[in-house]
Amino acid sequence: MSISLELPTGPMAEAVVSAARGCETTPVFNHSVRSFLFAQLVAEHEGCLEDAAYDRDLLFAATVLHDLGTGDLAKGEARFEVEGADLAAAVLREHRVPAADVDRVWEAIALHTSPGIAERRGLLTYLTREGVGLDFGRRAELASARQAEIHAAYPRLDMVRSLVDAIVERAARSEAAAPRYSIGGELLRERRGDGVTTLELAADSSPWGR
């Protein structure tokens, strides 16, 4: 089976897209959708599409909403992953998604920057992290077969700079949003140091840049 680049449809999918598009920059929104498409590639490659734990709609919600904590609705009162997970959970509850599924999406988003943990917290959390990782250049050999058409449909548009700007801006709002060794906290400290972050440097050397 070859995965489709068509996005899910229906009320929940429309709410997911509306929530992300309505509060994120276009580069970050495009990154979120690409993360879903790349996560599907991982699921196909690893034979997960028929797994009982695989849920395309929940994967769409987790990946497309994973950076809500960098958007206009985020207040910077907690690290962006947690704030984004809370915002995503609210979207799903409005559409009467079962509590257990809301919790799975919350966990996938909250842990998407946590290597070594996300991979051990179930298929949804694993695929969410992997989809995001592929869009940052990880496992480039897997992404290469479809990356041209995915990037054509959802261009990068200086995504890394836009995302780092948003994370840093919210991390600067409170100590709770920038704890030591969190992504937000470390990016904020790097920006205040020499103005360049390790994430931006890594993007320069990735297969498709920023």
C-alpha atoms as a PDB file:
ATOM      1  CA  MET A   1       0.000   0.000   0.000  1.00  0.00           C
ATOM      2  CA  SER A   2       1.284   3.448  -0.873  1.00  0.00           C
ATOM      3  CA  ILE A   3       0.230   6.233   1.460  1.00  0.00           C
ATOM      4  CA  SER A   4      -1.862   9.080   0.095  1.00  0.00           C
ATOM      5  CA  LEU A   5      -0.828  12.703   0.344  1.00  0.00           C
ATOM      6  CA  GLU A   6      -4.495  13.629   0.691  1.00  0.00           C
ATOM      7  CA  LEU A   7      -5.316  14.926   4.158  1.00  0.00           C
ATOM      8  CA  PRO A   8      -8.101  13.477   6.308  1.00  0.00           C
ATOM      9  CA  THR A   9     -11.524  15.085   5.981  1.00  0.00           C
ATOM     10  CA  GLY A  10     -14.495  15.539   8.266  1.00  0.00           C
ATOM     11  CA  PRO A  11     -15.400  17.853  11.162  1.00  0.00           C
ATOM     12  CA  MET A  12     -12.510  16.902  13.437  1.00  0.00           C
ATOM     13  CA  ALA A  13      -9.915  17.187  10.680  1.00  0.00           C
ATOM     14  CA  GLU A  14     -11.328  20.559   9.671  1.00  0.00           C
ATOM     15  CA  ALA A  15     -11.147  21.744  13.285  1.00  0.00           C
ATOM     16  CA  VAL A  16      -7.547  20.566  13.534  1.00  0.00           C
ATOM     17  CA  VAL A  17      -6.533  22.456  10.393  1.00  0.00           C
ATOM     18  CA  SER A  18      -8.458  25.542  11.465  1.00  0.00           C
ATOM     19  CA  ALA A  19      -6.824  25.581  14.902  1.00  0.00           C
ATOM     20  CA  ALA A  20      -3.302  25.258  13.518  1.00  0.00           C
ATOM     21  CA  ARG A  21      -3.710  27.568  10.537  1.00  0.00           C
ATOM     22  CA  GLY A  22      -5.476  30.168  12.629  1.00  0.00           C
ATOM     23  CA  CYS A  23      -2.710  30.718  15.184  1.00  0.00           C
ATOM     24  CA  GLU A  24       0.573  29.575  13.589  1.00  0.00           C
ATOM     25  CA  THR A  25       2.759  31.231  10.982  1.00  0.00           C
ATOM     26  CA  THR A  26       2.487  29.710   7.518  1.00  0.00           C
ATOM     27  CA  PRO A  27       5.986  28.148   7.705  1.00  0.00           C
ATOM     28  CA  VAL A  28       5.113  26.440  11.005  1.00  0.00           C
ATOM     29  CA  PHE A  29       1.718  25.304   9.745  1.00  0.00           C
ATOM     30  CA  ASN A  30       3.312  23.814   6.630  1.00  0.00           C
ATOM     31  CA  HIS A  31       5.874  22.049   8.833  1.00  0.00           C
ATOM     32  CA  SER A  32       3.050  20.579  10.912  1.00  0.00           C
ATOM     33  CA  VAL A  33       1.270  19.167   7.851  1.00  0.00           C
ATOM     34  CA  ARG A  34       4.540  17.830   6.407  1.00  0.00           C
ATOM     35  CA  SER A  35       5.142  16.119   9.746  1.00  0.00           C
ATOM     36  CA  PHE A  36       1.877  14.215   9.279  1.00  0.00           C
ATOM     37  CA  LEU A  37       2.777  13.185   5.740  1.00  0.00           C
ATOM     38  CA  PHE A  38       6.238  12.063   6.800  1.00  0.00           C
ATOM     39  CA  ALA A  39       4.792  10.195   9.796  1.00  0.00           C
ATOM     40  CA  GLN A  40       2.623   8.251   7.358  1.00  0.00           C
ATOM     41  CA  LEU A  41       5.744   7.340   5.403  1.00  0.00           C
ATOM     42  CA  VAL A  42       7.281   5.935   8.578  1.00  0.00           C
ATOM     43  CA  ALA A  43       4.120   3.976   9.341  1.00  0.00           C
ATOM     44  CA  GLU A  44       4.075   2.521   5.836  1.00  0.00           C
ATOM     45  CA  HIS A  45       7.805   1.717   5.864  1.00  0.00           C
ATOM     46  CA  GLU A  46       7.593  -0.048   9.213  1.00  0.00           C
ATOM     47  CA  GLY A  47       4.402  -1.959   8.430  1.00  0.00           C
ATOM     48  CA  CYS A  48       2.234  -0.096  10.935  1.00  0.00           C
ATOM     49  CA  LEU A  49      -0.712   0.838   8.707  1.00  0.00           C
ATOM     50  CA  GLU A  50      -2.592  -2.329   9.670  1.00  0.00           C
ATOM     51  CA  ASP A  51      -1.552  -2.190  13.325  1.00  0.00           C
ATOM     52  CA  ALA A  52      -4.521  -2.000  15.687  1.00  0.00           C
ATOM     53  CA  ALA A  53      -2.861   0.960  17.406  1.00  0.00           C
ATOM     54  CA  TYR A  54      -2.556   2.941  14.172  1.00  0.00           C
ATOM     55  CA  ASP A  55      -5.178   5.672  13.913  1.00  0.00           C
ATOM     56  CA  ARG A  56      -4.758   8.042  10.971  1.00  0.00           C
ATOM     57  CA  ASP A  57      -7.129  10.662  12.351  1.00  0.00           C
ATOM     58  CA  LEU A  58      -5.374  10.802  15.711  1.00  0.00           C
ATOM     59  CA  LEU A  59      -1.995  10.908  13.960  1.00  0.00           C
ATOM     60  CA  PHE A  60      -3.268  13.839  11.922  1.00  0.00           C
ATOM     61  CA  ALA A  61      -4.387  15.617  15.088  1.00  0.00           C
ATOM     62  CA  ALA A  62      -1.135  14.973  16.953  1.00  0.00           C
ATOM     63  CA  THR A  63       1.175  16.038  14.141  1.00  0.00           C
ATOM     64  CA  VAL A  64      -0.771  19.006  12.798  1.00  0.00           C
ATOM     65  CA  LEU A  65      -1.383  20.359  16.311  1.00  0.00           C
ATOM     66  CA  HIS A  66       2.053  19.558  17.734  1.00  0.00           C
ATOM     67  CA  ASP A  67       3.295  23.164  17.550  1.00  0.00           C
ATOM     68  CA  LEU A  68       0.191  24.952  18.834  1.00  0.00           C
ATOM     69  CA  GLY A  69       2.350  25.998  21.777  1.00  0.00           C
ATOM     70  CA  THR A  70       4.248  28.307  19.436  1.00  0.00           C
ATOM     71  CA  GLY A  71       1.117  30.008  18.110  1.00  0.00           C
ATOM     72  CA  ASP A  72      -0.914  33.051  19.040  1.00  0.00           C
ATOM     73  CA  LEU A  73      -3.078  31.119  21.523  1.00  0.00           C
ATOM     74  CA  ALA A  74      -0.082  30.133  23.652  1.00  0.00           C
ATOM     75  CA  LYS A  75       0.522  32.401  26.632  1.00  0.00           C
ATOM     76  CA  GLY A  76       4.024  31.261  27.499  1.00  0.00           C
ATOM     77  CA  GLU A  77       2.995  29.935  30.909  1.00  0.00           C
ATOM     78  CA  ALA A  78       4.501  26.463  30.379  1.00  0.00           C
ATOM     79  CA  ARG A  79       7.020  24.883  28.031  1.00  0.00           C
ATOM     80  CA  PHE A  80       5.654  25.061  24.507  1.00  0.00           C
ATOM     81  CA  GLU A  81       5.184  21.306  24.123  1.00  0.00           C
ATOM     82  CA  VAL A  82       2.936  21.131  27.199  1.00  0.00           C
ATOM     83  CA  GLU A  83       1.034  24.294  26.391  1.00  0.00           C
ATOM     84  CA  GLY A  84       0.486  23.014  22.861  1.00  0.00           C
ATOM     85  CA  ALA A  85      -0.705  19.653  24.165  1.00  0.00           C
ATOM     86  CA  ASP A  86      -3.234  21.406  26.403  1.00  0.00           C
ATOM     87  CA  LEU A  87      -4.509  23.523  23.508  1.00  0.00           C
ATOM     88  CA  ALA A  88      -4.776  20.480  21.255  1.00  0.00           C
ATOM     89  CA  ALA A  89      -6.688  18.556  23.906  1.00  0.00           C
ATOM     90  CA  ALA A  90      -9.187  21.410  24.140  1.00  0.00           C
ATOM     91  CA  VAL A  91      -9.779  21.269  20.368  1.00  0.00           C
ATOM     92  CA  LEU A  92     -10.431  17.526  20.488  1.00  0.00           C
ATOM     93  CA  ARG A  93     -12.726  17.735  23.508  1.00  0.00           C
ATOM     94  CA  GLU A  94     -14.869  20.270  21.659  1.00  0.00           C
ATOM     95  CA  HIS A  95     -15.432  17.571  19.050  1.00  0.00           C
ATOM     96  CA  ARG A  96     -16.271  14.900  21.613  1.00  0.00           C
ATOM     97  CA  VAL A  97     -13.189  12.807  21.002  1.00  0.00           C
ATOM     98  CA  PRO A  98     -13.053  10.068  23.678  1.00  0.00           C
ATOM     99  CA  ALA A  99     -10.975  10.972  26.714  1.00  0.00           C
ATOM    100  CA  ALA A 100      -8.524   8.103  26.174  1.00  0.00           C
ATOM    101  CA  ASP A 101      -7.790   9.307  22.641  1.00  0.00           C
ATOM    102  CA  VAL A 102      -7.439  12.914  23.796  1.00  0.00           C
ATOM    103  CA  ASP A 103      -4.878  11.692  26.317  1.00  0.00           C
ATOM    104  CA  ARG A 104      -2.943   9.811  23.619  1.00  0.00           C
ATOM    105  CA  VAL A 105      -2.739  12.945  21.470  1.00  0.00           C
ATOM    106  CA  TRP A 106      -1.766  15.040  24.494  1.00  0.00           C
ATOM    107  CA  GLU A 107       1.086  12.665  25.291  1.00  0.00           C
ATOM    108  CA  ALA A 108       2.291  12.524  21.682  1.00  0.00           C
ATOM    109  CA  ILE A 109       2.526  16.315  21.524  1.00  0.00           C
ATOM    110  CA  ALA A 110       3.981  16.806  24.984  1.00  0.00           C
ATOM    111  CA  LEU A 111       6.742  14.278  24.284  1.00  0.00           C
ATOM    112  CA  HIS A 112       7.570  15.086  20.667  1.00  0.00           C
ATOM    113  CA  THR A 113      10.879  16.731  21.685  1.00  0.00           C
ATOM    114  CA  SER A 114      11.802  13.963  24.159  1.00  0.00           C
ATOM    115  CA  PRO A 115      14.142  11.431  22.504  1.00  0.00           C
ATOM    116  CA  GLY A 116      14.359   8.105  24.287  1.00  0.00           C
ATOM    117  CA  ILE A 117      10.953   8.615  25.895  1.00  0.00           C
ATOM    118  CA  ALA A 118       8.601   9.267  22.983  1.00  0.00           C
ATOM    119  CA  GLU A 119       9.751   6.087  21.260  1.00  0.00           C
ATOM    120  CA  ARG A 120       8.571   4.018  24.247  1.00  0.00           C
ATOM    121  CA  ARG A 121       5.141   5.560  24.771  1.00  0.00           C
ATOM    122  CA  GLY A 122       3.125   3.837  22.077  1.00  0.00           C
ATOM    123  CA  LEU A 123       2.733   4.003  18.321  1.00  0.00           C
ATOM    124  CA  LEU A 124       1.050   7.406  18.128  1.00  0.00           C
ATOM    125  CA  THR A 125       3.729   9.140  20.181  1.00  0.00           C
ATOM    126  CA  TYR A 126       6.482   7.342  18.283  1.00  0.00           C
ATOM    127  CA  LEU A 127       5.102   8.236  14.844  1.00  0.00           C
ATOM    128  CA  THR A 128       4.501  11.844  15.844  1.00  0.00           C
ATOM    129  CA  ARG A 129       8.113  12.289  16.896  1.00  0.00           C
ATOM    130  CA  GLU A 130       9.381  10.469  13.811  1.00  0.00           C
ATOM    131  CA  GLY A 131       7.265  12.573  11.448  1.00  0.00           C
ATOM    132  CA  VAL A 132       8.569  15.769  13.005  1.00  0.00           C
ATOM    133  CA  GLY A 133      12.109  14.389  12.865  1.00  0.00           C
ATOM    134  CA  LEU A 134      11.900  13.565   9.175  1.00  0.00           C
ATOM    135  CA  ASP A 135      10.937  17.162   8.444  1.00  0.00           C
ATOM    136  CA  PHE A 136      14.141  18.239  10.194  1.00  0.00           C
ATOM    137  CA  GLY A 137      16.217  15.943   7.976  1.00  0.00           C
ATOM    138  CA  ARG A 138      16.381  12.756  10.019  1.00  0.00           C
ATOM    139  CA  ARG A 139      16.129   9.470   8.091  1.00  0.00           C
ATOM    140  CA  ALA A 140      16.565  11.368   4.840  1.00  0.00           C
ATOM    141  CA  GLU A 141      16.775   8.153   2.831  1.00  0.00           C
ATOM    142  CA  LEU A 142      13.215   7.279   3.878  1.00  0.00           C
ATOM    143  CA  ALA A 143      11.826  10.752   3.147  1.00  0.00           C
ATOM    144  CA  SER A 144      13.590  11.115  -0.209  1.00  0.00           C
ATOM    145  CA  ALA A 145      11.021   9.169  -2.250  1.00  0.00           C
ATOM    146  CA  ARG A 146       8.223  11.641  -1.525  1.00  0.00           C
ATOM    147  CA  GLN A 147       9.942  14.741  -0.169  1.00  0.00           C
ATOM    148  CA  ALA A 148       9.859  16.677  -3.460  1.00  0.00           C
ATOM    149  CA  GLU A 149       6.079  16.478  -3.824  1.00  0.00           C
ATOM    150  CA  ILE A 150       5.516  17.037  -0.110  1.00  0.00           C
ATOM    151  CA  HIS A 151       7.655  20.168  -0.151  1.00  0.00           C
ATOM    152  CA  ALA A 152       5.975  21.356  -3.344  1.00  0.00           C
ATOM    153  CA  ALA A 153       2.552  21.103  -1.684  1.00  0.00           C
ATOM    154  CA  TYR A 154       3.694  22.579   1.654  1.00  0.00           C
ATOM    155  CA  PRO A 155       6.839  24.705   1.103  1.00  0.00           C
ATOM    156  CA  ARG A 156       9.391  25.220   3.869  1.00  0.00           C
ATOM    157  CA  LEU A 157       9.426  29.053   3.724  1.00  0.00           C
ATOM    158  CA  ASP A 158      12.321  29.477   6.191  1.00  0.00           C
ATOM    159  CA  MET A 159      10.529  27.174   8.619  1.00  0.00           C
ATOM    160  CA  VAL A 160      13.330  26.666  11.124  1.00  0.00           C
ATOM    161  CA  ARG A 161      13.898  30.378  11.683  1.00  0.00           C
ATOM    162  CA  SER A 162      10.152  31.000  12.023  1.00  0.00           C
ATOM    163  CA  LEU A 163       9.735  28.112  14.471  1.00  0.00           C
ATOM    164  CA  VAL A 164      12.758  29.053  16.579  1.00  0.00           C
ATOM    165  CA  ASP A 165      11.575  32.671  16.713  1.00  0.00           C
ATOM    166  CA  ALA A 166       8.178  31.546  17.989  1.00  0.00           C
ATOM    167  CA  ILE A 167       9.596  29.126  20.560  1.00  0.00           C
ATOM    168  CA  VAL A 168      12.072  31.676  21.894  1.00  0.00           C
ATOM    169  CA  GLU A 169       9.496  34.459  22.074  1.00  0.00           C
ATOM    170  CA  ARG A 170       7.211  32.333  24.238  1.00  0.00           C
ATOM    171  CA  ALA A 171      10.042  30.891  26.314  1.00  0.00           C
ATOM    172  CA  ALA A 172      11.005  34.446  27.256  1.00  0.00           C
ATOM    173  CA  ARG A 173       7.610  35.104  28.826  1.00  0.00           C
ATOM    174  CA  SER A 174       8.078  33.101  32.028  1.00  0.00           C
ATOM    175  CA  GLU A 175      10.502  30.839  33.879  1.00  0.00           C
ATOM    176  CA  ALA A 176       7.977  28.021  33.623  1.00  0.00           C
ATOM    177  CA  ALA A 177       8.127  28.253  29.827  1.00  0.00           C
ATOM    178  CA  ALA A 178      11.922  27.913  29.724  1.00  0.00           C
ATOM    179  CA  PRO A 179      13.119  25.314  32.243  1.00  0.00           C
ATOM    180  CA  ARG A 180      16.756  24.303  32.011  1.00  0.00           C
ATOM    181  CA  TYR A 181      17.415  21.624  29.363  1.00  0.00           C
ATOM    182  CA  SER A 182      14.021  22.044  27.717  1.00  0.00           C
ATOM    183  CA  ILE A 183      14.083  22.903  24.012  1.00  0.00           C
ATOM    184  CA  GLY A 184      12.575  26.312  24.664  1.00  0.00           C
ATOM    185  CA  GLY A 185      14.898  27.082  27.533  1.00  0.00           C
ATOM    186  CA  GLU A 186      18.046  26.122  25.679  1.00  0.00           C
ATOM    187  CA  LEU A 187      17.062  27.935  22.474  1.00  0.00           C
ATOM    188  CA  LEU A 188      16.340  31.048  24.513  1.00  0.00           C
ATOM    189  CA  ARG A 189      19.734  30.884  26.226  1.00  0.00           C
ATOM    190  CA  GLU A 190      21.519  30.325  22.914  1.00  0.00           C
ATOM    191  CA  ARG A 191      19.746  33.269  21.284  1.00  0.00           C
ATOM    192  CA  ARG A 192      20.667  35.501  24.203  1.00  0.00           C
ATOM    193  CA  GLY A 193      24.253  34.313  23.888  1.00  0.00           C
ATOM    194  CA  ASP A 194      25.415  34.602  20.292  1.00  0.00           C
ATOM    195  CA  GLY A 195      22.131  34.910  18.431  1.00  0.00           C
ATOM    196  CA  VAL A 196      22.424  31.552  16.641  1.00  0.00           C
ATOM    197  CA  THR A 197      20.859  28.332  17.878  1.00  0.00           C
ATOM    198  CA  THR A 198      21.987  24.747  17.403  1.00  0.00           C
ATOM    199  CA  LEU A 199      18.655  24.028  15.709  1.00  0.00           C
ATOM    200  CA  GLU A 200      19.336  26.680  13.067  1.00  0.00           C
ATOM    201  CA  LEU A 201      22.892  25.443  12.558  1.00  0.00           C
ATOM    202  CA  ALA A 202      21.635  21.886  12.142  1.00  0.00           C
ATOM    203  CA  ALA A 203      19.091  23.057   9.580  1.00  0.00           C
ATOM    204  CA  ASP A 204      21.849  24.522   7.449  1.00  0.00           C
ATOM    205  CA  SER A 205      23.393  21.074   7.104  1.00  0.00           C
ATOM    206  CA  SER A 206      20.150  19.113   6.691  1.00  0.00           C
ATOM    207  CA  PRO A 207      19.215  17.585   3.305  1.00  0.00           C
ATOM    208  CA  TRP A 208      16.753  20.376   2.515  1.00  0.00           C
ATOM    209  CA  GLY A 209      17.853  23.201   4.765  1.00  0.00           C
ATOM    210  CA  ARG A 210      15.630  25.566   6.632  1.00  0.00           C
END
